[in-house]
Amino acid sequence: MKEGLFSEIIVDWYERHHRSLPWRNTRDPYKIWLSEIILQQTRVAQGLPYYKRFLQHYPNVKSLAQANEQQVLRLWQGLGYYSRARNLHACAKKIVHDHGGKFPKTFTALKHLPGIGDYTAAAVASFAFDEPVAVVDGNVYRVLSRVFGIAKDIASPEGKKFFAKKANELIPSHRPAIHNQAVMEFGALHCTPQQPKCDDCVLAKHCYAKIHQMQGDLPVKQKLQKITKRYFYYWVIEAGKKLLMNERSGKDIWKGLHDFPLHEEKRSTGVKKILSSHFSPSMLSTLRPEVSSSYKHVLSHQIIFATFISLRFPSGKKLPPALSSAKAKWVSAKQIAEIPKPVLISRYLKDKNWLP
């Protein structure tokens, strides 16, 4: 099939079937960039409320750049992949500081900004500035692999390079924005991962996968990364109507978010054993610890099993070193509601009526 015919067919489909989404009705690079960052690893239905809230709080790149990182993380709470939020903030500051608050207009220049890779750079460059550069995401991989019978591994460097080249060969110079939107929307709504609508498809007579009944075999993707199980035992320390919370740092998950002092094990361990390793029998009888049921929290490549051990400490009593850290601080109920937290922690706090 000729490149021009592919674009013509799929754009015609898009004009008749696409969803009306707010970031599609603008050429503002800030709004386009914001939507693309939010929608990475996030479904549209989940991301749309976040997009609206961010625009309400930060209507332009300058206001986002001036925000406090903790405020940005708090607004992001619940979306996961928090490095996106930190990069979002860093990128806004760089645009204001280095570019006078104006987004660079080319794919190449956009890629020099924090948190912007090929996909986001192509989206902003084509949607806002009409640069004919192809956007390649999971939907695009799926459509191209099925229509053109491409069996290269989409997770391999070779495969990514091949699909990017093919996508850029297909994009027309005179309407790159709508072409990119059309291919992605077609993959999202019609050429879906499971049960694609092949019997009612405008590309059916051209589609390699449809002709050869290979819809379930394409695209090709290497096996997923091994899932790691982690066992968290949180110390929930209460004193004087305040809780001791810890700001996470380092290279582990949830950097910049707040949880409780943590004891981690490689496998499920009895709580009595953990308690006895930190407290004497007499102290345990004074503290009267309460142990929660296990909370399961699933991340992309990790499953966390968390148990919360609640302890009431007399005000002013010195905590054992294992229960505190340099970044631990006492927070009131009002402060707990304001600081950014992982969803796992919010679930527990709601169950215990610390959050509404």
Protein backbone atom coordinates (compact mmCIF):
# COMPACT_ATOMS: atom_id res chain seq x y z
CA MET A 1 0.00 0.00 0.00
CA LYS A 2 1.28 3.45 -0.93
CA GLU A 3 2.20 5.77 1.94
CA GLY A 4 -0.20 8.47 0.78
CA LEU A 5 -3.13 6.05 0.66
CA PHE A 6 -2.52 4.88 4.23
CA SER A 7 -2.63 8.45 5.52
CA GLU A 8 -5.68 9.33 3.41
CA ILE A 9 -7.70 6.35 4.68
CA ILE A 10 -6.78 6.70 8.33
CA VAL A 11 -7.31 10.49 8.46
CA ASP A 12 -10.73 10.04 6.87
CA TRP A 13 -11.58 7.50 9.58
CA TYR A 14 -10.31 9.88 12.28
CA GLU A 15 -12.44 12.78 11.11
CA ARG A 16 -15.54 10.63 11.49
CA HIS A 17 -14.75 8.72 14.69
CA HIS A 18 -12.30 10.60 16.94
CA ARG A 19 -13.00 11.57 20.53
CA SER A 20 -13.31 15.23 21.42
CA LEU A 21 -10.52 15.85 23.93
CA PRO A 22 -9.45 19.29 25.20
CA TRP A 23 -5.79 19.02 24.19
CA ARG A 24 -6.86 18.35 20.60
CA ASN A 25 -8.57 21.73 20.33
CA THR A 26 -5.46 23.80 20.90
CA ARG A 27 -2.12 24.71 19.37
CA ASP A 28 -0.75 25.81 22.73
CA PRO A 29 2.48 23.80 23.20
CA TYR A 30 2.15 24.03 27.00
CA LYS A 31 -1.25 22.32 27.02
CA ILE A 32 -0.15 19.73 24.47
CA TRP A 33 3.05 18.97 26.40
CA LEU A 34 1.15 18.74 29.71
CA SER A 35 -1.37 16.30 28.26
CA GLU A 36 1.34 14.11 26.74
CA ILE A 37 3.28 13.85 30.01
CA ILE A 38 0.13 13.01 31.98
CA LEU A 39 -1.01 10.41 29.45
CA GLN A 40 2.25 8.48 29.49
CA GLN A 41 1.41 5.14 31.16
CA THR A 42 -2.07 6.55 31.92
CA ARG A 43 -5.49 5.97 30.38
CA VAL A 44 -7.35 9.01 29.02
CA ALA A 45 -10.25 8.58 31.46
CA GLN A 46 -7.85 8.66 34.41
CA GLY A 47 -5.62 11.41 33.05
CA LEU A 48 -8.31 13.91 32.01
CA PRO A 49 -9.20 15.11 35.55
CA TYR A 50 -5.50 15.59 36.32
CA TYR A 51 -5.04 17.60 33.13
CA LYS A 52 -7.90 19.90 34.11
CA ARG A 53 -6.63 20.31 37.68
CA PHE A 54 -3.11 21.14 36.54
CA LEU A 55 -4.41 23.81 34.16
CA GLN A 56 -6.56 25.24 36.94
CA HIS A 57 -3.57 25.51 39.29
CA TYR A 58 -0.91 26.25 36.66
CA PRO A 59 -2.49 27.79 33.53
CA ASN A 60 0.88 28.37 31.83
CA VAL A 61 4.45 27.22 31.94
CA LYS A 62 5.60 30.18 34.04
CA SER A 63 3.15 29.43 36.86
CA LEU A 64 4.21 25.78 36.86
CA ALA A 65 7.88 26.77 36.98
CA GLN A 66 7.21 28.94 40.03
CA ALA A 67 5.45 26.16 41.94
CA ASN A 68 7.02 24.21 44.78
CA GLU A 69 7.96 20.63 43.87
CA GLN A 70 5.95 19.29 46.80
CA GLN A 71 2.86 21.10 45.46
CA VAL A 72 3.39 19.54 42.05
CA LEU A 73 3.83 16.07 43.54
CA ARG A 74 0.70 16.53 45.66
CA LEU A 75 -1.35 17.45 42.58
CA TRP A 76 0.12 14.44 40.74
CA GLN A 77 -0.72 12.05 43.58
CA GLY A 78 -2.46 8.92 42.34
CA LEU A 79 -1.04 8.95 38.80
CA GLY A 80 2.08 6.98 39.66
CA TYR A 81 5.45 7.09 37.91
CA TYR A 82 6.32 10.18 39.95
CA SER A 83 9.51 10.87 38.03
CA ARG A 84 7.15 12.27 35.37
CA ALA A 85 5.98 14.94 37.80
CA ARG A 86 9.52 15.86 38.84
CA ASN A 87 10.60 16.07 35.18
CA LEU A 88 7.49 18.11 34.37
CA HIS A 89 8.49 20.67 36.99
CA ALA A 90 12.16 20.68 35.98
CA CYS A 91 11.22 21.11 32.32
CA ALA A 92 8.96 24.07 33.07
CA LYS A 93 11.75 25.78 35.00
CA LYS A 94 14.22 25.22 32.18
CA ILE A 95 11.81 26.60 29.56
CA VAL A 96 11.32 29.73 31.63
CA HIS A 97 14.99 30.14 32.55
CA ASP A 98 16.64 29.20 29.24
CA HIS A 99 13.95 29.98 26.67
CA GLY A 100 12.12 32.96 28.14
CA GLY A 101 8.98 30.90 28.76
CA LYS A 102 8.65 29.89 25.09
CA PHE A 103 8.70 26.26 23.98
CA PRO A 104 11.33 25.35 21.37
CA LYS A 105 9.60 24.71 18.04
CA THR A 106 11.57 21.78 16.66
CA PHE A 107 11.75 18.08 17.48
CA THR A 108 15.52 18.27 17.95
CA ALA A 109 15.44 21.27 20.30
CA LEU A 110 12.56 19.87 22.37
CA LYS A 111 14.53 16.67 23.04
CA HIS A 112 17.09 18.66 25.04
CA LEU A 113 14.49 19.45 27.71
CA PRO A 114 14.15 17.32 30.89
CA GLY A 115 11.71 14.43 30.60
CA ILE A 116 11.12 14.89 26.86
CA GLY A 117 12.05 11.96 24.66
CA ASP A 118 11.31 11.16 21.04
CA TYR A 119 7.59 10.57 21.58
CA THR A 120 6.80 13.78 23.48
CA ALA A 121 9.10 15.89 21.30
CA ALA A 122 7.35 14.61 18.17
CA ALA A 123 3.92 15.23 19.67
CA VAL A 124 4.63 18.84 20.62
CA ALA A 125 6.54 19.58 17.40
CA SER A 126 3.81 18.20 15.14
CA PHE A 127 0.67 19.18 17.08
CA ALA A 128 1.77 22.70 18.01
CA PHE A 129 4.19 23.64 15.23
CA ASP A 130 3.28 21.37 12.28
CA GLU A 131 6.70 19.79 11.98
CA PRO A 132 6.33 16.59 9.90
CA VAL A 133 7.79 14.17 12.45
CA ALA A 134 6.02 10.97 13.42
CA VAL A 135 4.74 10.20 16.91
CA VAL A 136 5.40 6.56 17.79
CA ASP A 137 3.64 5.05 20.81
CA GLY A 138 2.13 1.66 21.62
CA ASN A 139 -0.90 2.35 19.44
CA VAL A 140 1.27 3.27 16.47
CA TYR A 141 3.44 0.16 16.90
CA ARG A 142 0.32 -1.97 16.86
CA VAL A 143 -1.28 -0.37 13.80
CA LEU A 144 1.89 -0.37 11.69
CA SER A 145 2.95 -3.88 12.66
CA ARG A 146 -0.45 -5.31 11.74
CA VAL A 147 -1.15 -3.29 8.60
CA PHE A 148 2.34 -3.74 7.11
CA GLY A 149 3.19 -7.14 8.61
CA ILE A 150 6.22 -5.99 10.60
CA ALA A 151 7.43 -8.75 12.93
CA LYS A 152 10.32 -6.87 14.54
CA ASP A 153 10.38 -6.74 18.34
CA ILE A 154 8.93 -3.37 19.37
CA ALA A 155 10.90 -3.44 22.62
CA SER A 156 14.28 -3.89 20.93
CA PRO A 157 16.51 -1.00 19.80
CA GLU A 158 16.45 -2.37 16.26
CA GLY A 159 12.67 -2.60 16.28
CA LYS A 160 12.18 0.90 17.66
CA LYS A 161 14.50 2.32 15.02
CA PHE A 162 12.71 0.45 12.24
CA PHE A 163 9.22 1.54 13.33
CA ALA A 164 10.33 5.17 13.72
CA LYS A 165 11.71 5.11 10.18
CA LYS A 166 8.53 3.54 8.80
CA ALA A 167 6.28 5.99 10.66
CA ASN A 168 8.25 8.95 9.32
CA GLU A 169 7.99 7.60 5.78
CA LEU A 170 4.20 7.53 6.13
CA ILE A 171 3.63 11.01 7.55
CA PRO A 172 2.57 13.66 5.01
CA SER A 173 4.34 17.02 5.12
CA HIS A 174 1.14 19.06 4.69
CA ARG A 175 -0.89 17.72 7.64
CA PRO A 176 1.37 15.97 10.17
CA ALA A 177 -0.72 16.83 13.24
CA ILE A 178 -3.95 15.20 12.13
CA HIS A 179 -2.07 12.21 10.65
CA ASN A 180 -0.34 11.53 13.97
CA GLN A 181 -3.57 11.93 15.90
CA ALA A 182 -5.35 9.62 13.47
CA VAL A 183 -2.90 6.72 13.75
CA MET A 184 -2.86 6.89 17.56
CA GLU A 185 -6.64 7.17 17.80
CA PHE A 186 -7.14 4.31 15.36
CA GLY A 187 -4.96 2.11 17.57
CA ALA A 188 -6.71 3.24 20.74
CA LEU A 189 -10.29 2.78 19.53
CA HIS A 190 -10.29 0.38 16.57
CA CYS A 191 -7.07 -1.64 16.19
CA THR A 192 -7.06 -2.54 19.88
CA PRO A 193 -4.74 -5.04 21.60
CA GLN A 194 -7.57 -7.50 22.22
CA GLN A 195 -10.49 -8.08 19.86
CA PRO A 196 -9.64 -5.50 17.18
CA LYS A 197 -12.61 -4.52 15.00
CA CYS A 198 -11.28 -6.23 11.89
CA ASP A 199 -14.69 -7.02 10.37
CA ASP A 200 -15.50 -3.32 10.19
CA CYS A 201 -12.10 -1.89 9.32
CA VAL A 202 -11.29 0.68 6.65
CA LEU A 203 -7.85 -0.91 6.22
CA ALA A 204 -9.03 -4.54 6.15
CA LYS A 205 -8.21 -5.23 2.50
CA HIS A 206 -4.72 -3.77 2.94
CA CYS A 207 -3.93 -5.23 6.38
CA TYR A 208 -1.33 -8.01 6.50
CA ALA A 209 -2.52 -9.25 9.92
CA LYS A 210 -6.15 -9.41 8.82
CA ILE A 211 -5.34 -11.21 5.57
CA HIS A 212 -3.07 -13.75 7.30
CA GLN A 213 -5.07 -14.01 10.57
CA MET A 214 -2.11 -12.79 12.63
CA GLN A 215 -3.81 -10.14 14.76
CA GLY A 216 -2.86 -12.02 17.94
CA ASP A 217 0.77 -12.38 16.85
CA LEU A 218 1.46 -8.73 16.04
CA PRO A 219 3.04 -6.65 17.34
CA VAL A 220 5.95 -8.76 18.59
CA LYS A 221 7.22 -7.83 22.05
CA GLN A 222 9.82 -9.46 24.23
CA LYS A 223 8.80 -10.98 27.55
CA LEU A 224 7.94 -8.55 30.30
CA GLN A 225 10.43 -7.75 33.02
CA LYS A 226 10.29 -10.09 35.99
CA ILE A 227 7.92 -8.98 38.73
CA THR A 228 9.60 -8.39 42.10
CA LYS A 229 7.72 -8.95 45.35
CA ARG A 230 8.57 -6.65 48.25
CA TYR A 231 7.44 -6.88 51.87
CA PHE A 232 7.05 -3.56 53.69
CA TYR A 233 6.50 -3.26 57.43
CA TYR A 234 5.62 0.32 58.27
CA TRP A 235 5.97 1.86 61.72
CA VAL A 236 2.95 4.12 62.22
CA ILE A 237 4.04 6.16 65.21
CA GLU A 238 1.50 8.43 66.84
CA ALA A 239 2.23 11.00 69.55
CA GLY A 240 0.07 13.94 70.60
CA LYS A 241 -2.36 13.64 67.66
CA LYS A 242 0.50 13.69 65.17
CA LEU A 243 2.08 11.00 63.02
CA LEU A 244 5.74 10.54 62.20
CA MET A 245 6.17 10.59 58.42
CA ASN A 246 9.20 10.24 56.24
CA GLU A 247 10.06 11.97 52.94
CA ARG A 248 11.47 9.34 50.59
CA SER A 249 14.73 10.00 48.76
CA GLY A 250 17.35 8.10 46.80
CA LYS A 251 16.76 6.04 43.67
CA ASP A 252 13.93 3.86 44.95
CA ILE A 253 10.22 4.30 44.18
CA TRP A 254 8.23 7.34 45.33
CA LYS A 255 11.08 9.82 45.63
CA GLY A 256 9.81 13.07 47.17
CA LEU A 257 6.63 11.46 48.54
CA HIS A 258 5.88 10.80 52.19
CA ASP A 259 5.38 7.46 53.89
CA PHE A 260 6.21 6.06 57.34
CA PRO A 261 9.48 4.76 58.75
CA LEU A 262 10.00 1.45 57.02
CA HIS A 263 11.34 -1.99 57.77
CA GLU A 264 11.63 -4.10 54.59
CA GLU A 265 12.07 -7.86 54.35
CA LYS A 266 12.87 -10.07 51.35
CA ARG A 267 10.00 -12.42 52.21
CA SER A 268 6.89 -12.43 54.34
CA THR A 269 7.97 -12.34 57.99
CA GLY A 270 6.08 -12.67 61.24
CA VAL A 271 5.38 -9.31 62.87
CA LYS A 272 6.30 -10.70 66.31
CA LYS A 273 9.81 -11.41 65.04
CA ILE A 274 10.18 -7.88 63.69
CA LEU A 275 8.85 -6.32 66.89
CA SER A 276 11.13 -8.38 69.12
CA SER A 277 14.16 -7.28 67.10
CA HIS A 278 13.45 -3.61 67.98
CA PHE A 279 11.72 -3.63 71.39
CA SER A 280 12.12 -5.31 74.71
CA PRO A 281 9.13 -7.26 76.10
CA SER A 282 8.49 -4.59 78.71
CA MET A 283 8.41 -1.81 76.08
CA LEU A 284 6.06 -3.85 73.90
CA SER A 285 3.62 -4.19 76.78
CA THR A 286 3.69 -0.40 77.16
CA LEU A 287 3.37 0.44 73.46
CA ARG A 288 0.66 -2.18 72.75
CA PRO A 289 1.24 -2.32 68.99
CA GLU A 290 -1.69 -2.77 66.61
CA VAL A 291 -1.05 -4.68 63.39
CA SER A 292 -3.04 -4.08 60.21
CA SER A 293 -4.08 -6.64 57.68
CA SER A 294 -1.84 -6.87 54.62
CA TYR A 295 -2.24 -4.24 51.88
CA LYS A 296 -1.38 -5.28 48.34
CA HIS A 297 -0.13 -2.56 45.97
CA VAL A 298 0.77 -3.36 42.36
CA LEU A 299 3.33 -1.30 40.40
CA SER A 300 4.60 -1.90 36.87
CA HIS A 301 7.37 -4.35 37.87
CA GLN A 302 6.80 -4.70 41.60
CA ILE A 303 4.14 -6.01 43.94
CA ILE A 304 4.27 -4.56 47.44
CA PHE A 305 2.74 -6.31 50.42
CA ALA A 306 2.52 -3.77 53.23
CA THR A 307 1.73 -4.26 56.90
CA PHE A 308 1.25 -1.26 59.16
CA ILE A 309 2.34 -1.54 62.79
CA SER A 310 0.71 1.21 64.84
CA LEU A 311 2.53 2.40 67.97
CA ARG A 312 1.61 5.13 70.45
CA PHE A 313 4.65 6.87 71.88
CA PRO A 314 4.46 9.21 74.87
CA SER A 315 5.17 12.80 73.75
CA GLY A 316 8.82 13.70 74.16
CA LYS A 317 10.04 10.11 74.43
CA LYS A 318 13.09 9.42 72.29
CA LEU A 319 12.47 7.03 69.42
CA PRO A 320 14.71 4.05 68.69
CA PRO A 321 17.01 4.80 65.70
CA ALA A 322 15.31 2.19 63.49
CA LEU A 323 11.99 4.02 63.75
CA SER A 324 13.21 7.42 62.61
CA SER A 325 15.36 9.00 59.92
CA ALA A 326 16.95 12.29 58.99
CA LYS A 327 13.91 13.19 56.88
CA ALA A 328 11.26 12.07 59.35
CA LYS A 329 8.98 14.74 60.83
CA TRP A 330 5.86 14.97 62.95
CA VAL A 331 2.80 16.02 60.97
CA SER A 332 -0.72 16.97 61.97
CA ALA A 333 -3.91 15.70 60.32
CA LYS A 334 -4.12 18.91 58.28
CA GLN A 335 -0.51 18.56 57.10
CA ILE A 336 -1.07 14.89 56.25
CA ALA A 337 -3.81 15.91 53.82
CA GLU A 338 -1.50 18.43 52.14
CA ILE A 339 1.74 16.52 51.66
CA PRO A 340 2.20 14.19 48.64
CA LYS A 341 1.83 10.49 49.46
CA PRO A 342 1.82 7.18 47.58
CA VAL A 343 -1.65 5.76 46.97
CA LEU A 344 -0.78 2.87 49.27
CA ILE A 345 -0.25 5.25 52.19
CA SER A 346 -3.41 7.21 51.41
CA ARG A 347 -5.44 3.99 51.45
CA TYR A 348 -4.22 3.16 54.93
CA LEU A 349 -4.73 6.69 56.24
CA LYS A 350 -8.30 6.73 54.92
CA ASP A 351 -9.01 3.39 56.54
CA LYS A 352 -7.81 4.86 59.84
CA ASN A 353 -9.77 8.10 59.39
CA TRP A 354 -6.69 10.30 59.12
CA LEU A 355 -7.92 11.37 55.68
CA PRO A 356 -11.47 12.14 54.54
